[in-house]
Amino acid sequence: MTVEELLTIISGKLIVSCQAGHGHALRDTGTIERMARAAVDGGAVAIRCGGVGGTPDVAAVVSAVKVPVIGLTKIGSEGVFITPTRESALEVVDSGAQIVAADATLRPRPDGLTFADTVDAVHDRGGLVMADCGTLADGIAAAAAGADIISSTLAGYTENSRRLAGPDLELVSELRQALPDVVLIAEGRYHSPEDAARAIALGADSVVVGTAITDPAFITSKFAAAVSGAERQRV
């Protein structure tokens, strides 16, 4: 798949992230696969998911859907842990994902290599790279390193990024102004259709939504809190 082909598919459309970590009630590869199929039935034009090797979610989703899959793997939970090494990125490609999502922040990577090293390795295997960024500086550096897609995935999750309750729409605007020609994907705490639409209006080519669509525990908690806080009318 080329960048141009991908852009044709995702432009102005929704991508859904289908993931469930260890300990989550939905932590099951078959469940993730069915979740992805349901998201595509609802209009998702691509799926983002994680898991290779012993947790083969990426391969299962690739086999289950006929849309592009953005694959990743998580190693640990601190620092750079989203597809943090060149080796882990190649594992994702070998699982069948057309696009590899990887941490592209300016923090040191566990294998001592650069993000550009990972990009080159994925390109050599025929894959595209989605750079998960937290700041404008991350995005500019990732584009210079050859990333095919710049995303705001890590906005609010790194020490140098803005900590917001909702999505960092300002970062989407900043990235688009600084990088007018890149494929730009908005991601990170998009919990309403209105916020997702706003990201497109500010210049994102596509938006990734995960928790607000695919996590019943999160969705239930919002309804439960609203019901518990409501005042009952007495007659």
Protein backbone atom coordinates (compact mmCIF):
# COMPACT_ATOMS: atom_id res chain seq x y z
CA MET A 1 0.00 0.00 0.00
CA THR A 2 1.25 3.48 -0.84
CA VAL A 3 0.67 6.63 1.19
CA GLU A 4 -1.53 7.97 -1.59
CA GLU A 5 -3.68 4.83 -1.57
CA LEU A 6 -4.04 5.02 2.20
CA LEU A 7 -5.01 8.69 2.09
CA THR A 8 -7.71 7.94 -0.46
CA ILE A 9 -9.20 5.37 1.92
CA ILE A 10 -9.04 7.33 5.19
CA SER A 11 -9.51 10.95 4.14
CA GLY A 12 -12.37 12.46 6.11
CA LYS A 13 -13.23 9.07 7.59
CA LEU A 14 -13.11 7.28 10.95
CA ILE A 15 -10.50 4.80 12.20
CA VAL A 16 -11.39 2.69 15.23
CA SER A 17 -8.89 1.41 17.79
CA CYS A 18 -9.75 -2.09 19.03
CA GLN A 19 -7.61 -2.93 22.04
CA ALA A 20 -7.99 -4.39 25.53
CA GLY A 21 -5.11 -4.68 27.96
CA HIS A 22 -4.34 -7.46 30.37
CA GLY A 23 -6.94 -7.67 33.12
CA HIS A 24 -9.67 -6.08 31.00
CA ALA A 25 -12.89 -8.06 30.65
CA LEU A 26 -12.50 -7.99 26.85
CA ARG A 27 -8.91 -9.31 26.85
CA ASP A 28 -9.35 -12.06 24.29
CA THR A 29 -8.09 -12.21 20.71
CA GLY A 30 -11.39 -13.54 19.38
CA THR A 31 -13.22 -10.69 21.08
CA ILE A 32 -10.87 -8.11 19.57
CA GLU A 33 -11.42 -9.67 16.15
CA ARG A 34 -15.22 -9.43 16.49
CA MET A 35 -14.91 -5.89 17.82
CA ALA A 36 -12.96 -4.92 14.69
CA ARG A 37 -15.53 -6.52 12.41
CA ALA A 38 -18.33 -4.65 14.19
CA ALA A 39 -16.41 -1.36 13.86
CA VAL A 40 -16.04 -1.91 10.12
CA ASP A 41 -19.75 -2.72 9.88
CA GLY A 42 -20.39 0.64 11.54
CA GLY A 43 -18.27 2.60 9.07
CA ALA A 44 -14.66 2.40 10.23
CA VAL A 45 -12.33 2.52 7.21
CA ALA A 46 -9.29 1.22 9.09
CA ILE A 47 -8.56 -0.52 12.40
CA ARG A 48 -5.80 0.19 14.91
CA CYS A 49 -4.92 -2.73 17.17
CA GLY A 50 -2.02 -4.17 19.12
CA GLY A 51 -0.65 -7.58 19.89
CA VAL A 52 1.90 -9.88 18.25
CA GLY A 53 3.47 -13.18 19.21
CA GLY A 54 1.68 -14.65 22.23
CA THR A 55 -1.15 -12.13 21.90
CA PRO A 56 -1.82 -12.36 18.15
CA ASP A 57 -4.48 -9.65 17.87
CA VAL A 58 -2.88 -7.96 14.86
CA ALA A 59 -2.76 -11.12 12.76
CA ALA A 60 -6.32 -12.05 13.75
CA VAL A 61 -7.71 -8.65 12.82
CA VAL A 62 -5.80 -8.58 9.53
CA SER A 63 -7.47 -11.89 8.64
CA ALA A 64 -10.91 -10.75 9.79
CA VAL A 65 -11.34 -7.39 8.04
CA LYS A 66 -10.83 -6.04 4.53
CA VAL A 67 -9.65 -2.58 5.58
CA PRO A 68 -6.12 -1.38 6.39
CA VAL A 69 -4.81 -2.39 9.80
CA ILE A 70 -2.56 -0.13 11.85
CA GLY A 71 -0.65 -2.54 14.06
CA LEU A 72 1.44 -2.04 17.15
CA THR A 73 2.81 -3.85 20.14
CA LYS A 74 3.29 -2.60 23.69
CA ILE A 75 6.31 -3.54 25.76
CA GLY A 76 6.00 -2.41 29.37
CA SER A 77 4.09 0.70 30.36
CA GLU A 78 6.69 3.38 31.05
CA GLY A 79 8.66 5.66 28.76
CA VAL A 80 8.71 4.57 25.12
CA PHE A 81 6.57 1.42 25.08
CA ILE A 82 4.41 1.59 21.92
CA THR A 83 6.37 -0.46 19.36
CA PRO A 84 9.52 0.81 21.07
CA THR A 85 12.21 -0.98 19.06
CA ARG A 86 13.12 -1.74 15.46
CA GLU A 87 12.69 -5.46 16.17
CA SER A 88 9.19 -4.99 17.58
CA ALA A 89 8.20 -2.90 14.56
CA LEU A 90 9.28 -5.67 12.21
CA GLU A 91 7.24 -8.17 14.26
CA VAL A 92 4.18 -6.02 13.59
CA VAL A 93 4.89 -5.94 9.84
CA ASP A 94 5.37 -9.71 9.83
CA SER A 95 1.97 -10.08 11.52
CA GLY A 96 0.40 -8.61 8.40
CA ALA A 97 -0.28 -4.99 9.34
CA GLN A 98 0.04 -2.56 6.45
CA ILE A 99 0.93 0.27 8.84
CA VAL A 100 3.07 0.17 11.99
CA ALA A 101 2.25 2.62 14.78
CA ALA A 102 5.28 3.50 16.90
CA ASP A 103 6.22 6.02 19.57
CA ALA A 104 7.93 8.88 17.75
CA THR A 105 8.59 11.15 20.71
CA LEU A 106 12.03 12.58 21.28
CA ARG A 107 12.64 10.30 24.27
CA PRO A 108 15.40 7.65 24.15
CA ARG A 109 14.33 4.29 22.73
CA PRO A 110 15.08 1.06 24.62
CA ASP A 111 17.18 -0.45 21.81
CA GLY A 112 19.39 2.64 21.58
CA LEU A 113 18.41 3.20 17.94
CA THR A 114 16.66 6.21 16.47
CA PHE A 115 13.07 6.46 15.30
CA ALA A 116 14.49 6.92 11.78
CA ASP A 117 16.14 3.49 12.09
CA THR A 118 12.73 1.96 12.77
CA VAL A 119 11.17 3.85 9.87
CA ASP A 120 13.85 2.63 7.46
CA ALA A 121 13.45 -0.97 8.60
CA VAL A 122 9.67 -0.93 8.18
CA HIS A 123 9.97 0.67 4.75
CA ASP A 124 12.44 -2.03 3.72
CA ARG A 125 9.75 -4.61 4.59
CA GLY A 126 7.15 -2.75 2.52
CA GLY A 127 5.20 -1.23 5.41
CA LEU A 128 4.15 2.31 6.28
CA VAL A 129 4.88 4.04 9.60
CA MET A 130 2.45 5.99 11.75
CA ALA A 131 4.36 8.24 14.16
CA ASP A 132 2.65 8.52 17.55
CA CYS A 133 3.53 12.04 18.74
CA GLY A 134 2.83 14.12 21.82
CA THR A 135 4.04 17.55 20.75
CA LEU A 136 4.63 19.70 17.70
CA ALA A 137 8.38 19.09 18.01
CA ASP A 138 7.76 15.33 17.96
CA GLY A 139 5.73 15.65 14.78
CA ILE A 140 8.28 17.79 12.96
CA ALA A 141 11.10 15.40 13.91
CA ALA A 142 9.06 12.34 12.90
CA ALA A 143 8.28 13.82 9.50
CA ALA A 144 11.97 14.55 8.99
CA ALA A 145 12.73 10.93 9.95
CA GLY A 146 10.53 9.72 7.10
CA ALA A 147 7.30 8.78 8.86
CA ASP A 148 4.41 8.31 6.46
CA ILE A 149 1.72 9.43 8.93
CA ILE A 150 1.88 11.86 11.84
CA SER A 151 -0.58 11.34 14.69
CA SER A 152 -1.36 13.13 17.95
CA THR A 153 -1.76 9.84 19.84
CA LEU A 154 0.54 10.69 22.75
CA ALA A 155 -0.66 14.25 23.37
CA GLY A 156 -1.33 14.47 27.10
CA TYR A 157 0.58 11.29 27.90
CA THR A 158 4.16 12.57 27.86
CA GLU A 159 5.91 14.96 30.21
CA ASN A 160 6.30 17.66 27.55
CA SER A 161 2.75 17.58 26.18
CA ARG A 162 -0.31 19.47 27.33
CA ARG A 163 -2.36 17.62 29.96
CA LEU A 164 -5.99 18.04 28.94
CA ALA A 165 -9.18 16.22 29.89
CA GLY A 166 -10.19 16.05 26.24
CA PRO A 167 -8.33 15.87 22.94
CA ASP A 168 -5.55 18.31 22.12
CA LEU A 169 -7.24 20.04 19.19
CA GLU A 170 -4.70 22.84 19.31
CA LEU A 171 -1.94 20.34 18.53
CA VAL A 172 -3.86 19.10 15.49
CA SER A 173 -4.02 22.66 14.21
CA GLU A 174 -0.33 23.28 14.96
CA LEU A 175 0.76 20.10 13.19
CA ARG A 176 -1.30 20.90 10.12
CA GLN A 177 0.12 24.41 9.89
CA ALA A 178 3.70 23.22 10.34
CA LEU A 179 3.35 20.14 8.12
CA PRO A 180 0.81 21.03 5.43
CA ASP A 181 1.60 18.06 3.19
CA VAL A 182 1.75 15.16 5.67
CA VAL A 183 -0.97 12.60 6.33
CA LEU A 184 -2.24 13.78 9.71
CA ILE A 185 -4.33 11.62 12.03
CA ALA A 186 -5.91 12.91 15.23
CA GLU A 187 -5.98 10.52 18.17
CA GLY A 188 -6.18 10.70 21.93
CA ARG A 189 -9.27 11.16 24.15
CA TYR A 190 -11.75 11.70 21.33
CA HIS A 191 -14.84 10.88 23.35
CA SER A 192 -17.55 12.55 21.30
CA PRO A 193 -18.54 12.74 17.63
CA GLU A 194 -18.34 16.52 17.91
CA ASP A 195 -14.67 16.47 18.93
CA ALA A 196 -13.87 14.04 16.12
CA ALA A 197 -15.56 16.30 13.58
CA ARG A 198 -13.72 19.31 14.99
CA ALA A 199 -10.38 17.58 14.42
CA ILE A 200 -11.24 17.11 10.75
CA ALA A 201 -12.25 20.78 10.51
CA LEU A 202 -8.85 21.75 11.94
CA GLY A 203 -6.96 19.81 9.29
CA ALA A 204 -6.73 16.16 10.34
CA ASP A 205 -7.14 13.71 7.47
CA SER A 206 -8.72 11.14 9.77
CA VAL A 207 -9.51 10.52 13.44
CA VAL A 208 -8.85 7.44 15.57
CA VAL A 209 -11.44 6.74 18.25
CA GLY A 210 -11.02 3.85 20.65
CA THR A 211 -12.29 3.85 24.22
CA ALA A 212 -15.47 5.82 23.51
CA ILE A 213 -16.53 3.19 20.97
CA THR A 214 -14.95 -0.09 22.02
CA ASP A 215 -14.76 -0.09 25.83
CA PRO A 216 -18.11 -0.98 27.44
CA ALA A 217 -16.67 -0.34 30.92
CA PHE A 218 -15.82 3.26 30.00
CA ILE A 219 -19.17 3.85 28.29
CA THR A 220 -21.08 2.29 31.18
CA SER A 221 -19.23 4.43 33.72
CA LYS A 222 -20.38 7.60 31.94
CA PHE A 223 -24.02 6.52 31.99
CA ALA A 224 -23.75 5.25 35.58
CA ALA A 225 -22.30 8.56 36.77
CA ALA A 226 -25.00 10.55 34.97
CA VAL A 227 -27.81 8.43 36.40
CA SER A 228 -26.37 8.50 39.92
CA GLY A 229 -26.00 12.26 39.77
CA ALA A 230 -29.43 12.98 38.40
CA GLU A 231 -32.11 14.56 40.60
CA ARG A 232 -35.30 12.63 40.65
CA GLN A 233 -38.50 14.55 40.17
CA ARG A 234 -40.91 13.92 43.02
CA VAL A 235 -44.67 14.02 42.41
